[in-house]
């Protein structure tokens, strides 16, 4: 792979620093603006090149030694070469640059920077267990022992002893993944905290307790990964809801948000595309004494919302990284909910959707950055948009 000496110019999204060389924009991992570095190019397109720092010629005063012995190999973290304080400043800056109207009004919520992940997907090859090396399918065995982001209960004490040390709730050995070449996902070990236990969450349900709520998540079901920020995130959503709200919850999963915030919700209709998640949402509502919530399986990317949903003036939306579909936007334009509370794991699609909401009469009145993924370039953004023709909540 080609080497290049280059001066780094500024931070950009994705954990990169931007530089230029030979008429190309160069996106570099592992650098800091102002540094002169030697990089290895990993991808060379007609307009954009990508690479990573392999040595620093002139270092920034912000650079610190990484506290993870595999961070340069792994590629899971983007910012272990700067302090967490600087990382939070950077994430705020990048988000405010995408939403300049929110500059100075953005609240950043964060927690412990280590041990925050309540789940992990280890890759398996024979007795090797760990994360993939950057840009490859080579397993870094040490990562399953030392990863700073993962809760300690999900780490393997020794890489070659993982099969005998990781147990299911019934104290049985976790099943060794199949190595059938056509089933690549079976070469992974999916682990998640479930109360006092660790479960193989691709096969077993997860039990979660938070805010006086008992929840069960189906096998392979989605749940927010940062165990320290789930409650602050939910309580912030709660603060954005009016009393006795009538809520349409889109991408509701197993019902986590609405069920946990039930004390402020008079009625709720939840929609999710996965049958199993809706089944669990109904069970979770019943288990928490809720009789009035309704749930339906519907593909929100394929089918528009009916006029019947006009009776729900508050929308809660928590979509995948792809954001909202044109059908949902058309439905919002037609049904005109008074308030839309939107939690996004992708600020780029959020910016697109906020712009579309603005074009149909909405304005943002609250934005929060939740650093669900410390030391990586990812984060969650929570916003509220209100229809300009509606009275304040």
Foldseek 3Di string as FASTA:
>chain_A
DDKDWFAFAADAFFLWTWTDDPQAIETEFPAHHGWTFMWDWDDDDPHYTYTYGPGTPGHDPQFDDAPFPCCQFQVQFGFSRGDLVVVQVVLLVNLCVLVVVCVVVAAEDEDDQFQFFQKDKWFADPLATAGATPPDRDGDRCRLCGPGHHHNLRGAVHSNCNQVPAAFPVRHGDDQFDVDPVCRSSRIFIWGDAPPHIHRQLQAWGWDDDLNFIAIAHRVFDDQTGPVCPVVVLVVVLVVAAAQAQEEEEQCFLPVNCQSSVRRHNEYEYEHQDPVRQVRNVVRCVVSPHDHYHYDHDDQQPDADDLVCLVHLEYEYEDAQQAHHPRPLVNCLVSVRFKYKYKHFHSVNVSVVQVSVVVSAKDWDHKYWYASNRSHSTTMMITMIGGPPDDDD
